[in-house]
Amino acid sequence: MNNDSARTTKFPTGTLVFGLILIVVSLATLSRTFFHWSFDMPLLLIIVVAFAGVAMIISGLSAAGKRRQRESEIPAPTDPNL
């Protein structure tokens, strides 16, 4: 009953979150260099990683909820004359 054309592709949340971490860290480093700002870089990294972890947890919970909802649905009959 489960054919490949009906399956949805899994969204790579981990890749997205890791990319966002790299973007934030690089922008913070560049802005610190160009604007001569002074902030605590280890604290910034801890905050960014904490928010990334929260984003991954929320994504995992929403994916589990969608999977549970999809599994609880009654599948349509294959023959429309039934």
Protein backbone atom coordinates (compact mmCIF):
# COMPACT_ATOMS: atom_id res chain seq x y z
CA MET A 1 0.00 0.00 0.00
CA ASN A 2 2.94 2.32 0.55
CA ASN A 3 4.37 3.18 -2.84
CA ASP A 4 7.37 5.44 -3.40
CA SER A 5 5.45 8.10 -5.33
CA ALA A 6 3.18 8.83 -2.36
CA ARG A 7 6.02 9.06 0.17
CA THR A 8 7.17 12.51 1.14
CA THR A 9 10.84 13.34 1.36
CA LYS A 10 12.27 14.06 4.78
CA PHE A 11 13.36 17.66 5.32
CA PRO A 12 17.01 17.84 6.46
CA THR A 13 16.47 19.88 9.62
CA GLY A 14 19.90 19.11 11.02
CA THR A 15 21.59 20.45 7.90
CA LEU A 16 19.50 23.62 8.01
CA VAL A 17 20.24 24.24 11.69
CA PHE A 18 23.95 23.59 11.23
CA GLY A 19 24.02 26.01 8.29
CA LEU A 20 22.25 28.66 10.34
CA ILE A 21 24.79 28.22 13.14
CA LEU A 22 27.63 28.75 10.68
CA ILE A 23 25.97 31.84 9.21
CA VAL A 24 25.37 33.42 12.63
CA VAL A 25 28.91 32.74 13.81
CA SER A 26 30.47 34.07 10.61
CA LEU A 27 28.29 37.21 10.63
CA ALA A 28 29.12 37.83 14.28
CA THR A 29 32.82 37.46 13.58
CA LEU A 30 32.68 39.74 10.54
CA SER A 31 30.66 42.40 12.35
CA ARG A 32 33.05 42.24 15.28
CA THR A 33 35.97 42.77 12.90
CA PHE A 34 34.45 45.56 10.81
CA PHE A 35 32.64 47.52 13.52
CA HIS A 36 35.17 46.87 16.32
CA TRP A 37 32.47 45.58 18.64
CA SER A 38 33.40 43.89 21.84
CA PHE A 39 31.26 40.96 22.98
CA ASP A 40 31.86 37.63 24.60
CA MET A 41 32.27 35.13 21.74
CA PRO A 42 32.01 31.93 23.88
CA LEU A 43 28.75 33.18 25.36
CA LEU A 44 27.43 33.92 21.87
CA LEU A 45 28.33 30.40 20.72
CA ILE A 46 26.59 28.86 23.73
CA ILE A 47 23.42 30.86 23.02
CA VAL A 48 23.45 29.99 19.31
CA VAL A 49 23.94 26.27 19.98
CA ALA A 50 21.19 26.33 22.62
CA PHE A 51 18.72 27.91 20.19
CA ALA A 52 19.76 25.40 17.52
CA GLY A 53 19.05 22.55 19.92
CA VAL A 54 15.62 23.97 20.71
CA ALA A 55 14.89 24.28 16.97
CA MET A 56 15.88 20.65 16.39
CA ILE A 57 13.73 19.44 19.30
CA ILE A 58 10.70 21.35 18.01
CA SER A 59 11.29 19.99 14.51
CA GLY A 60 11.52 16.43 15.82
CA LEU A 61 8.33 16.77 17.83
CA SER A 62 6.41 18.20 14.88
CA ALA A 63 7.68 15.42 12.59
CA ALA A 64 6.61 12.79 15.13
CA GLY A 65 3.17 14.40 15.39
CA LYS A 66 2.75 14.42 11.61
CA ARG A 67 3.85 10.79 11.38
CA ARG A 68 1.42 9.77 14.12
CA GLN A 69 -1.41 11.63 12.41
CA ARG A 70 -0.57 10.05 9.04
CA GLU A 71 -0.47 6.55 10.54
CA SER A 72 -3.83 6.98 12.30
CA GLU A 73 -5.68 7.96 9.11
CA ILE A 74 -7.74 5.27 7.46
CA PRO A 75 -6.30 4.60 4.00
CA ALA A 76 -8.56 5.02 1.00
CA PRO A 77 -9.62 1.83 -0.77
CA THR A 78 -7.61 1.00 -3.85
CA ASP A 79 -10.69 0.07 -5.88
CA PRO A 80 -13.19 2.96 -6.20
CA ASN A 81 -16.05 0.46 -6.72
CA LEU A 82 -15.80 -0.84 -3.15
